[in-house]
Amino acid sequence: MLVLLLLAALAAVATRAAAPGQARPFARQRPVICGKERWLIKTLQDRPTLLSARVTTVANLVGLPRPTQLPATRLPFERRIYSLLAAVTLVKAESDQDLHLVLEDGGQHIIAEASNPDACTATATNYRRKQMRDARSAVRLCAQARVVGVGFWDFKHGQTGVAPNAIELHPILGFACLTP
């Protein structure tokens, strides 16, 4: 029995070492950890029909009243795409694979998140995954950017740049730096 187990282990190692495209066949890979809270909603994996983009401002979003409860399903507000101009003052990779952005305009600030479509949005449509991928690849610090994303109500949990009402753009579907 021990010999069979040893042979099986050696065969597994040999197969892995011979696998094409493996630069470091014995390197330990870190598991991808995606988020939890309302994750299907914030990554469009619930496949919503989204309303077309509406131009808004950071101040307008920060001024919206926060819902009393956040259900497990998408709220009507979270079916709208918003487009706004703001300074991107922080871009930070997070443990849930998102890029966390702080957007500032006129002393107000909100968070926008660029999801990782290749690792954490498996059931989103291909169209939305492409939008997320393209936007994420363009994200950077910027004195003025046009950021397009889906309205999302988050929980306050000490995030850097969180709006007083915890409104976010999540996920980002478009990004263009207008003034470096």
N, C-alpha and C. Protein backbone atom coordinates (compact mmCIF):
# COMPACT_ATOMS: atom_id res chain seq x y z
N MET A 1 0.83 -1.18 0.00
CA MET A 1 0.00 0.00 0.00
C MET A 1 0.87 1.25 0.00
N LEU A 2 1.93 1.25 0.82
CA LEU A 2 2.84 2.39 0.90
C LEU A 2 3.52 2.64 -0.44
N VAL A 3 3.90 1.55 -1.11
CA VAL A 3 4.56 1.67 -2.42
C VAL A 3 3.61 2.30 -3.43
N LEU A 4 2.33 1.89 -3.41
CA LEU A 4 1.36 2.46 -4.34
C LEU A 4 1.15 3.95 -4.09
N LEU A 5 1.07 4.34 -2.82
CA LEU A 5 0.94 5.75 -2.50
C LEU A 5 2.15 6.55 -2.96
N LEU A 6 3.34 5.99 -2.77
CA LEU A 6 4.56 6.66 -3.20
C LEU A 6 4.60 6.80 -4.71
N LEU A 7 4.20 5.76 -5.44
CA LEU A 7 4.17 5.82 -6.91
C LEU A 7 3.15 6.85 -7.39
N ALA A 8 1.99 6.90 -6.74
CA ALA A 8 0.97 7.88 -7.12
C ALA A 8 1.48 9.30 -6.90
N ALA A 9 2.15 9.54 -5.78
CA ALA A 9 2.70 10.86 -5.48
C ALA A 9 3.76 11.24 -6.50
N LEU A 10 4.64 10.32 -6.85
CA LEU A 10 5.68 10.59 -7.85
C LEU A 10 5.06 10.87 -9.21
N ALA A 11 4.01 10.14 -9.58
CA ALA A 11 3.35 10.37 -10.86
C ALA A 11 2.71 11.76 -10.88
N ALA A 12 2.10 12.18 -9.78
CA ALA A 12 1.49 13.51 -9.71
C ALA A 12 2.54 14.60 -9.86
N VAL A 13 3.68 14.42 -9.22
CA VAL A 13 4.76 15.40 -9.31
C VAL A 13 5.30 15.45 -10.73
N ALA A 14 5.49 14.31 -11.33
CA ALA A 14 6.02 14.27 -12.70
C ALA A 14 5.05 14.91 -13.68
N THR A 15 3.76 14.64 -13.52
CA THR A 15 2.76 15.24 -14.39
C THR A 15 2.76 16.75 -14.25
N ARG A 16 2.82 17.23 -13.05
CA ARG A 16 2.83 18.67 -12.81
C ARG A 16 4.08 19.32 -13.37
N ALA A 17 5.22 18.68 -13.20
CA ALA A 17 6.48 19.23 -13.71
C ALA A 17 6.50 19.27 -15.22
N ALA A 18 5.79 18.34 -15.86
CA ALA A 18 5.78 18.29 -17.32
C ALA A 18 4.69 19.16 -17.93
N ALA A 19 3.85 19.75 -17.13
CA ALA A 19 2.75 20.58 -17.65
C ALA A 19 3.30 21.78 -18.39
N PRO A 20 2.82 22.03 -19.63
CA PRO A 20 3.30 23.17 -20.39
C PRO A 20 2.86 24.49 -19.76
N GLY A 21 3.70 25.51 -19.94
CA GLY A 21 3.37 26.85 -19.47
C GLY A 21 3.58 27.08 -17.99
N GLN A 22 4.12 26.13 -17.30
CA GLN A 22 4.37 26.29 -15.87
C GLN A 22 5.81 26.74 -15.68
N ALA A 23 6.00 28.00 -15.41
CA ALA A 23 7.36 28.52 -15.25
C ALA A 23 8.00 27.99 -13.97
N ARG A 24 7.20 27.84 -12.91
CA ARG A 24 7.72 27.35 -11.64
C ARG A 24 6.76 26.27 -11.14
N PRO A 25 6.92 25.01 -11.62
CA PRO A 25 5.93 23.99 -11.33
C PRO A 25 5.77 23.68 -9.86
N PHE A 26 6.76 23.93 -9.03
CA PHE A 26 6.66 23.58 -7.63
C PHE A 26 6.36 24.79 -6.74
N ALA A 27 6.19 25.96 -7.36
CA ALA A 27 5.91 27.16 -6.57
C ALA A 27 4.50 27.07 -5.98
N ARG A 28 4.35 27.49 -4.75
CA ARG A 28 3.05 27.53 -4.11
C ARG A 28 2.27 28.72 -4.63
N GLN A 29 1.08 28.48 -5.07
CA GLN A 29 0.25 29.57 -5.55
C GLN A 29 -0.71 29.98 -4.44
N ARG A 30 -0.83 31.28 -4.25
CA ARG A 30 -1.75 31.80 -3.26
C ARG A 30 -3.17 31.68 -3.79
N PRO A 31 -4.12 31.21 -3.01
CA PRO A 31 -5.49 31.13 -3.50
C PRO A 31 -6.07 32.52 -3.70
N VAL A 32 -6.94 32.65 -4.69
CA VAL A 32 -7.61 33.91 -4.94
C VAL A 32 -8.77 34.01 -3.96
N ILE A 33 -8.83 35.10 -3.23
CA ILE A 33 -9.89 35.32 -2.26
C ILE A 33 -10.70 36.52 -2.72
N CYS A 34 -11.93 36.25 -3.11
CA CYS A 34 -12.82 37.32 -3.53
C CYS A 34 -13.64 37.76 -2.32
N GLY A 35 -14.42 38.80 -2.49
CA GLY A 35 -15.18 39.36 -1.39
C GLY A 35 -16.40 38.55 -0.99
N LYS A 36 -17.14 39.07 0.00
CA LYS A 36 -18.30 38.35 0.53
C LYS A 36 -19.57 39.20 0.51
N GLU A 37 -19.57 40.28 1.26
CA GLU A 37 -20.80 41.04 1.47
C GLU A 37 -21.39 41.57 0.17
N ARG A 38 -22.57 41.11 -0.16
CA ARG A 38 -23.30 41.52 -1.37
C ARG A 38 -22.43 41.38 -2.62
N TRP A 39 -21.57 40.36 -2.62
CA TRP A 39 -20.57 40.20 -3.67
C TRP A 39 -21.19 40.01 -5.05
N LEU A 40 -22.24 39.23 -5.17
CA LEU A 40 -22.85 39.02 -6.49
C LEU A 40 -23.40 40.32 -7.06
N ILE A 41 -23.87 41.20 -6.19
CA ILE A 41 -24.41 42.49 -6.64
C ILE A 41 -23.28 43.42 -7.06
N LYS A 42 -22.27 43.55 -6.20
CA LYS A 42 -21.21 44.53 -6.49
C LYS A 42 -20.31 44.13 -7.64
N THR A 43 -20.40 42.88 -8.11
CA THR A 43 -19.60 42.43 -9.24
C THR A 43 -20.46 42.08 -10.45
N LEU A 44 -21.73 42.44 -10.40
CA LEU A 44 -22.70 42.23 -11.50
C LEU A 44 -22.91 40.76 -11.82
N GLN A 45 -22.64 39.89 -10.89
CA GLN A 45 -22.85 38.47 -11.13
C GLN A 45 -24.32 38.07 -11.01
N ASP A 46 -25.16 39.01 -10.55
CA ASP A 46 -26.60 38.77 -10.55
C ASP A 46 -27.21 39.12 -11.92
N ARG A 47 -26.36 39.56 -12.85
CA ARG A 47 -26.71 39.86 -14.24
C ARG A 47 -27.89 40.82 -14.37
N PRO A 48 -27.79 42.00 -13.75
CA PRO A 48 -28.92 42.93 -13.79
C PRO A 48 -29.04 43.62 -15.15
N THR A 49 -30.23 44.07 -15.43
CA THR A 49 -30.44 44.99 -16.54
C THR A 49 -30.15 46.37 -15.97
N LEU A 50 -29.09 47.01 -16.46
CA LEU A 50 -28.68 48.30 -15.92
C LEU A 50 -29.24 49.44 -16.76
N LEU A 51 -29.59 50.51 -16.08
CA LEU A 51 -30.07 51.71 -16.76
C LEU A 51 -28.88 52.50 -17.27
N SER A 52 -29.06 53.21 -18.38
CA SER A 52 -27.96 53.92 -19.03
C SER A 52 -27.32 54.95 -18.10
N ALA A 53 -26.12 55.34 -18.46
CA ALA A 53 -25.32 56.24 -17.63
C ALA A 53 -25.99 57.59 -17.45
N ARG A 54 -25.95 58.06 -16.21
CA ARG A 54 -26.45 59.38 -15.85
C ARG A 54 -25.27 60.18 -15.32
N VAL A 55 -25.10 61.39 -15.83
CA VAL A 55 -24.04 62.27 -15.35
C VAL A 55 -24.43 62.77 -13.97
N THR A 56 -23.49 62.72 -13.04
CA THR A 56 -23.73 63.16 -11.67
C THR A 56 -22.45 63.75 -11.10
N THR A 57 -22.49 64.06 -9.82
CA THR A 57 -21.31 64.58 -9.13
C THR A 57 -21.10 63.78 -7.84
N VAL A 58 -19.91 63.90 -7.29
CA VAL A 58 -19.63 63.28 -6.01
C VAL A 58 -20.58 63.85 -4.96
N ALA A 59 -20.77 65.17 -4.96
CA ALA A 59 -21.64 65.82 -3.98
C ALA A 59 -23.07 65.29 -4.08
N ASN A 60 -23.57 65.08 -5.29
CA ASN A 60 -24.92 64.56 -5.46
C ASN A 60 -25.04 63.15 -4.86
N LEU A 61 -24.08 62.31 -5.12
CA LEU A 61 -24.13 60.94 -4.59
C LEU A 61 -24.00 60.93 -3.07
N VAL A 62 -23.10 61.75 -2.54
CA VAL A 62 -22.91 61.82 -1.09
C VAL A 62 -24.18 62.35 -0.40
N GLY A 63 -24.95 63.18 -1.11
CA GLY A 63 -26.15 63.76 -0.53
C GLY A 63 -27.38 62.86 -0.54
N LEU A 64 -27.29 61.71 -1.17
CA LEU A 64 -28.44 60.80 -1.23
C LEU A 64 -28.71 60.17 0.14
N PRO A 65 -29.96 59.99 0.49
CA PRO A 65 -30.25 59.33 1.77
C PRO A 65 -29.91 57.84 1.71
N ARG A 66 -29.30 57.36 2.77
CA ARG A 66 -28.91 55.95 2.84
C ARG A 66 -30.14 55.09 3.14
N PRO A 67 -30.28 53.94 2.47
CA PRO A 67 -31.39 53.04 2.80
C PRO A 67 -31.28 52.56 4.25
N THR A 68 -32.41 52.30 4.86
CA THR A 68 -32.39 51.84 6.25
C THR A 68 -31.85 50.41 6.36
N GLN A 69 -32.08 49.61 5.33
CA GLN A 69 -31.57 48.23 5.31
C GLN A 69 -30.96 47.94 3.95
N LEU A 70 -29.96 47.07 3.95
CA LEU A 70 -29.36 46.63 2.70
C LEU A 70 -29.71 45.16 2.51
N PRO A 71 -30.61 44.88 1.57
CA PRO A 71 -31.02 43.50 1.36
C PRO A 71 -29.96 42.70 0.60
N ALA A 72 -30.17 41.42 0.51
CA ALA A 72 -29.25 40.55 -0.24
C ALA A 72 -29.45 40.73 -1.74
N THR A 73 -30.54 41.37 -2.14
CA THR A 73 -30.82 41.60 -3.56
C THR A 73 -30.50 43.04 -3.92
N ARG A 74 -30.49 43.33 -5.21
CA ARG A 74 -30.15 44.66 -5.73
C ARG A 74 -31.30 45.64 -5.49
N LEU A 75 -30.96 46.81 -4.95
CA LEU A 75 -31.93 47.89 -4.79
C LEU A 75 -32.14 48.61 -6.12
N PRO A 76 -33.29 49.28 -6.33
CA PRO A 76 -33.51 49.99 -7.59
C PRO A 76 -32.39 50.98 -7.92
N PHE A 77 -31.88 51.72 -6.93
CA PHE A 77 -30.79 52.66 -7.17
C PHE A 77 -29.57 51.96 -7.76
N GLU A 78 -29.36 50.71 -7.39
CA GLU A 78 -28.18 49.96 -7.81
C GLU A 78 -28.31 49.38 -9.22
N ARG A 79 -29.32 49.83 -9.94
CA ARG A 79 -29.49 49.43 -11.35
C ARG A 79 -29.05 50.55 -12.30
N ARG A 80 -28.53 51.63 -11.76
CA ARG A 80 -28.15 52.79 -12.56
C ARG A 80 -26.64 52.88 -12.70
N ILE A 81 -26.19 53.21 -13.90
CA ILE A 81 -24.79 53.53 -14.14
C ILE A 81 -24.65 55.04 -13.99
N TYR A 82 -23.58 55.46 -13.33
CA TYR A 82 -23.31 56.88 -13.11
C TYR A 82 -21.96 57.24 -13.71
N SER A 83 -21.86 58.47 -14.19
CA SER A 83 -20.62 59.00 -14.76
C SER A 83 -20.32 60.30 -14.04
N LEU A 84 -19.10 60.43 -13.53
CA LEU A 84 -18.74 61.65 -12.82
C LEU A 84 -17.29 62.01 -13.06
N LEU A 85 -16.96 63.28 -12.78
CA LEU A 85 -15.60 63.79 -12.84
C LEU A 85 -15.10 63.96 -11.41
N ALA A 86 -13.88 63.50 -11.16
CA ALA A 86 -13.30 63.64 -9.82
C ALA A 86 -11.80 63.40 -9.90
N ALA A 87 -11.11 63.85 -8.86
CA ALA A 87 -9.69 63.52 -8.71
C ALA A 87 -9.61 62.11 -8.11
N VAL A 88 -8.68 61.32 -8.61
CA VAL A 88 -8.42 59.99 -8.05
C VAL A 88 -7.20 60.16 -7.15
N THR A 89 -7.44 60.15 -5.84
CA THR A 89 -6.37 60.46 -4.89
C THR A 89 -5.74 59.23 -4.27
N LEU A 90 -6.35 58.07 -4.47
CA LEU A 90 -5.79 56.82 -3.95
C LEU A 90 -6.22 55.67 -4.84
N VAL A 91 -5.25 54.81 -5.15
CA VAL A 91 -5.54 53.54 -5.82
C VAL A 91 -4.80 52.48 -5.01
N LYS A 92 -5.55 51.52 -4.48
CA LYS A 92 -4.96 50.53 -3.59
C LYS A 92 -5.52 49.15 -3.92
N ALA A 93 -4.62 48.17 -4.09
CA ALA A 93 -5.05 46.79 -4.28
C ALA A 93 -5.54 46.24 -2.95
N GLU A 94 -6.69 45.57 -2.99
CA GLU A 94 -7.27 45.02 -1.77
C GLU A 94 -7.24 43.50 -1.78
N SER A 95 -7.39 42.92 -0.61
CA SER A 95 -7.32 41.46 -0.47
C SER A 95 -8.45 40.75 -1.21
N ASP A 96 -9.57 41.44 -1.50
CA ASP A 96 -10.66 40.80 -2.23
C ASP A 96 -10.48 40.92 -3.75
N GLN A 97 -9.30 41.32 -4.20
CA GLN A 97 -8.92 41.42 -5.61
C GLN A 97 -9.40 42.71 -6.28
N ASP A 98 -10.13 43.57 -5.57
CA ASP A 98 -10.56 44.85 -6.14
C ASP A 98 -9.43 45.87 -6.08
N LEU A 99 -9.48 46.84 -6.99
CA LEU A 99 -8.68 48.05 -6.85
C LEU A 99 -9.59 49.09 -6.21
N HIS A 100 -9.18 49.59 -5.08
CA HIS A 100 -9.95 50.56 -4.28
C HIS A 100 -9.50 51.95 -4.67
N LEU A 101 -10.42 52.78 -5.14
CA LEU A 101 -10.12 54.16 -5.52
C LEU A 101 -10.85 55.11 -4.58
N VAL A 102 -10.19 56.19 -4.23
CA VAL A 102 -10.86 57.28 -3.53
C VAL A 102 -11.00 58.40 -4.55
N LEU A 103 -12.25 58.84 -4.73
CA LEU A 103 -12.58 59.92 -5.66
C LEU A 103 -12.93 61.16 -4.85
N GLU A 104 -12.33 62.31 -5.19
CA GLU A 104 -12.59 63.54 -4.46
C GLU A 104 -12.99 64.65 -5.43
N ASP A 105 -13.94 65.46 -4.96
CA ASP A 105 -14.37 66.62 -5.72
C ASP A 105 -14.98 67.63 -4.77
N GLY A 106 -14.41 68.82 -4.71
CA GLY A 106 -14.95 69.89 -3.89
C GLY A 106 -15.07 69.55 -2.42
N GLY A 107 -14.12 68.84 -1.88
CA GLY A 107 -14.12 68.50 -0.46
C GLY A 107 -14.95 67.26 -0.11
N GLN A 108 -15.67 66.72 -1.07
CA GLN A 108 -16.45 65.49 -0.86
C GLN A 108 -15.65 64.30 -1.41
N HIS A 109 -15.93 63.11 -0.89
CA HIS A 109 -15.21 61.93 -1.38
C HIS A 109 -16.11 60.70 -1.34
N ILE A 110 -15.86 59.81 -2.27
CA ILE A 110 -16.52 58.50 -2.30
C ILE A 110 -15.51 57.47 -2.74
N ILE A 111 -15.91 56.23 -2.63
CA ILE A 111 -15.09 55.11 -3.07
C ILE A 111 -15.63 54.62 -4.41
N ALA A 112 -14.71 54.17 -5.26
CA ALA A 112 -15.06 53.43 -6.47
C ALA A 112 -14.17 52.19 -6.46
N GLU A 113 -14.69 51.10 -6.97
CA GLU A 113 -13.94 49.84 -6.94
C GLU A 113 -13.87 49.25 -8.35
N ALA A 114 -12.66 48.85 -8.73
CA ALA A 114 -12.44 48.17 -10.00
C ALA A 114 -12.28 46.68 -9.69
N SER A 115 -13.31 45.92 -10.01
CA SER A 115 -13.30 44.48 -9.74
C SER A 115 -12.31 43.76 -10.62
N ASN A 116 -11.91 42.57 -10.19
CA ASN A 116 -11.01 41.72 -10.96
C ASN A 116 -11.88 40.74 -11.75
N PRO A 117 -12.18 41.05 -13.02
CA PRO A 117 -13.12 40.21 -13.77
C PRO A 117 -12.57 38.82 -14.09
N ASP A 118 -11.26 38.68 -14.12
CA ASP A 118 -10.68 37.38 -14.46
C ASP A 118 -10.71 36.40 -13.31
N ALA A 119 -10.80 36.91 -12.08
CA ALA A 119 -10.76 36.02 -10.93
C ALA A 119 -12.04 36.00 -10.11
N CYS A 120 -12.79 37.09 -10.12
CA CYS A 120 -13.87 37.22 -9.13
C CYS A 120 -15.23 37.58 -9.70
N THR A 121 -15.44 37.41 -10.99
CA THR A 121 -16.75 37.76 -11.57
C THR A 121 -17.23 36.67 -12.52
N ALA A 122 -17.09 35.44 -12.13
CA ALA A 122 -17.33 34.29 -13.02
C ALA A 122 -18.70 34.29 -13.69
N THR A 123 -19.74 34.72 -13.02
CA THR A 123 -21.08 34.62 -13.61
C THR A 123 -21.60 35.93 -14.20
N ALA A 124 -20.78 36.97 -14.21
CA ALA A 124 -21.18 38.22 -14.89
C ALA A 124 -21.15 37.96 -16.40
N THR A 125 -21.89 38.76 -17.15
CA THR A 125 -21.91 38.57 -18.61
C THR A 125 -20.53 38.90 -19.18
N ASN A 126 -20.24 38.34 -20.33
CA ASN A 126 -18.95 38.62 -20.99
C ASN A 126 -18.80 40.11 -21.29
N TYR A 127 -19.90 40.75 -21.69
CA TYR A 127 -19.87 42.18 -21.99
C TYR A 127 -19.46 42.99 -20.77
N ARG A 128 -20.09 42.72 -19.64
CA ARG A 128 -19.76 43.46 -18.41
C ARG A 128 -18.35 43.12 -17.93
N ARG A 129 -17.93 41.87 -18.07
CA ARG A 129 -16.57 41.50 -17.67
C ARG A 129 -15.54 42.24 -18.52
N LYS A 130 -15.83 42.41 -19.82
CA LYS A 130 -14.91 43.16 -20.67
C LYS A 130 -14.86 44.63 -20.25
N GLN A 131 -16.01 45.22 -19.94
CA GLN A 131 -16.03 46.60 -19.46
C GLN A 131 -15.20 46.74 -18.19
N MET A 132 -15.38 45.81 -17.25
CA MET A 132 -14.63 45.85 -15.99
C MET A 132 -13.14 45.70 -16.24
N ARG A 133 -12.76 44.79 -17.13
CA ARG A 133 -11.35 44.55 -17.44
C ARG A 133 -10.71 45.79 -18.07
N ASP A 134 -11.40 46.39 -19.06
CA ASP A 134 -10.87 47.57 -19.74
C ASP A 134 -10.73 48.75 -18.77
N ALA A 135 -11.74 48.95 -17.93
CA ALA A 135 -11.69 50.06 -16.97
C ALA A 135 -10.57 49.84 -15.97
N ARG A 136 -10.45 48.63 -15.47
CA ARG A 136 -9.42 48.33 -14.47
C ARG A 136 -8.02 48.56 -15.04
N SER A 137 -7.83 48.23 -16.30
CA SER A 137 -6.50 48.41 -16.90
C SER A 137 -6.14 49.89 -17.07
N ALA A 138 -7.13 50.77 -17.08
CA ALA A 138 -6.87 52.21 -17.25
C ALA A 138 -6.74 52.96 -15.92
N VAL A 139 -7.13 52.35 -14.82
CA VAL A 139 -7.15 53.02 -13.52
C VAL A 139 -5.77 53.48 -13.11
N ARG A 140 -5.70 54.72 -12.60
CA ARG A 140 -4.46 55.29 -12.06
C ARG A 140 -4.79 56.55 -11.28
N LEU A 141 -3.80 57.04 -10.54
CA LEU A 141 -3.95 58.33 -9.88
C LEU A 141 -4.12 59.39 -10.95
N CYS A 142 -4.94 60.37 -10.68
CA CYS A 142 -5.25 61.33 -11.73
C CYS A 142 -5.87 62.58 -11.11
N ALA A 143 -5.44 63.75 -11.56
CA ALA A 143 -5.98 65.01 -11.04
C ALA A 143 -7.44 65.19 -11.41
N GLN A 144 -7.84 64.71 -12.58
CA GLN A 144 -9.25 64.71 -12.96
C GLN A 144 -9.50 63.53 -13.89
N ALA A 145 -10.45 62.70 -13.51
CA ALA A 145 -10.80 61.53 -14.30
C ALA A 145 -12.30 61.46 -14.50
N ARG A 146 -12.71 60.85 -15.58
CA ARG A 146 -14.11 60.49 -15.75
C ARG A 146 -14.21 59.04 -15.31
N VAL A 147 -15.04 58.81 -14.30
CA VAL A 147 -15.23 57.46 -13.77
C VAL A 147 -16.69 57.08 -13.99
N VAL A 148 -16.89 55.93 -14.60
CA VAL A 148 -18.22 55.43 -14.89
C VAL A 148 -18.39 54.12 -14.12
N GLY A 149 -19.45 54.04 -13.33
CA GLY A 149 -19.66 52.83 -12.56
C GLY A 149 -21.10 52.70 -12.10
N VAL A 150 -21.37 51.57 -11.49
CA VAL A 150 -22.72 51.26 -11.03
C VAL A 150 -22.88 51.74 -9.59
N GLY A 151 -23.99 52.41 -9.30
CA GLY A 151 -24.27 52.84 -7.94
C GLY A 151 -24.40 51.62 -7.03
N PHE A 152 -23.81 51.74 -5.85
CA PHE A 152 -23.82 50.61 -4.91
C PHE A 152 -23.80 51.13 -3.49
N TRP A 153 -24.65 50.57 -2.64
CA TRP A 153 -24.65 50.90 -1.22
C TRP A 153 -23.82 49.86 -0.49
N ASP A 154 -22.80 50.30 0.19
CA ASP A 154 -21.94 49.38 0.95
C ASP A 154 -22.20 49.56 2.44
N PHE A 155 -21.62 48.67 3.21
CA PHE A 155 -21.61 48.80 4.66
C PHE A 155 -20.38 49.61 5.03
N LYS A 156 -20.46 50.41 6.07
CA LYS A 156 -19.28 51.10 6.58
C LYS A 156 -18.48 50.11 7.41
N HIS A 157 -17.23 49.95 7.04
CA HIS A 157 -16.36 49.05 7.80
C HIS A 157 -14.94 49.60 7.86
N GLY A 158 -14.83 50.93 7.98
CA GLY A 158 -13.53 51.56 8.15
C GLY A 158 -12.75 51.75 6.87
N GLN A 159 -13.40 51.68 5.72
CA GLN A 159 -12.69 51.84 4.46
C GLN A 159 -12.14 53.26 4.30
N THR A 160 -10.98 53.37 3.71
CA THR A 160 -10.39 54.67 3.41
C THR A 160 -11.24 55.35 2.34
N GLY A 161 -11.66 56.59 2.62
CA GLY A 161 -12.39 57.38 1.64
C GLY A 161 -13.89 57.13 1.60
N VAL A 162 -14.41 56.35 2.52
CA VAL A 162 -15.84 56.03 2.49
C VAL A 162 -16.66 57.31 2.61
N ALA A 163 -17.72 57.40 1.83
CA ALA A 163 -18.63 58.54 1.90
C ALA A 163 -19.45 58.45 3.19
N PRO A 164 -19.93 59.58 3.68
CA PRO A 164 -20.74 59.55 4.90
C PRO A 164 -21.94 58.60 4.82
N ASN A 165 -22.50 58.44 3.62
CA ASN A 165 -23.64 57.53 3.44
C ASN A 165 -23.23 56.16 2.89
N ALA A 166 -21.92 55.94 2.73
CA ALA A 166 -21.33 54.68 2.24
C ALA A 166 -21.75 54.33 0.81
N ILE A 167 -22.04 55.36 0.02
CA ILE A 167 -22.33 55.11 -1.40
C ILE A 167 -21.03 54.88 -2.14
N GLU A 168 -21.05 54.05 -3.16
CA GLU A 168 -19.87 53.76 -3.98
C GLU A 168 -20.28 53.64 -5.44
N LEU A 169 -19.27 53.63 -6.28
CA LEU A 169 -19.41 53.14 -7.66
C LEU A 169 -18.72 51.79 -7.65
N HIS A 170 -19.51 50.74 -7.84
CA HIS A 170 -18.96 49.38 -7.74
C HIS A 170 -19.80 48.45 -8.58
N PRO A 171 -19.28 47.96 -9.68
CA PRO A 171 -17.93 48.10 -10.17
C PRO A 171 -17.78 49.29 -11.11
N ILE A 172 -16.53 49.65 -11.36
CA ILE A 172 -16.21 50.65 -12.37
C ILE A 172 -16.34 49.97 -13.73
N LEU A 173 -17.03 50.65 -14.65
CA LEU A 173 -17.20 50.13 -16.01
C LEU A 173 -16.46 50.96 -17.05
N GLY A 174 -15.98 52.13 -16.64
CA GLY A 174 -15.24 53.00 -17.56
C GLY A 174 -14.34 53.93 -16.76
N PHE A 175 -13.15 54.22 -17.31
CA PHE A 175 -12.21 55.10 -16.64
C PHE A 175 -11.38 55.81 -17.68
N ALA A 176 -11.29 57.13 -17.55
CA ALA A 176 -10.41 57.91 -18.42
C ALA A 176 -9.78 59.03 -17.61
N CYS A 177 -8.46 59.09 -17.62
CA CYS A 177 -7.76 60.17 -16.95
C CYS A 177 -7.76 61.37 -17.91
N LEU A 178 -8.33 62.49 -17.44
CA LEU A 178 -8.43 63.68 -18.29
C LEU A 178 -7.30 64.67 -18.02
N THR A 179 -6.80 64.71 -16.79
CA THR A 179 -5.69 65.57 -16.42
C THR A 179 -4.75 64.76 -15.55
N PRO A 180 -3.56 64.45 -16.06
CA PRO A 180 -2.64 63.61 -15.27
C PRO A 180 -2.29 64.22 -13.91
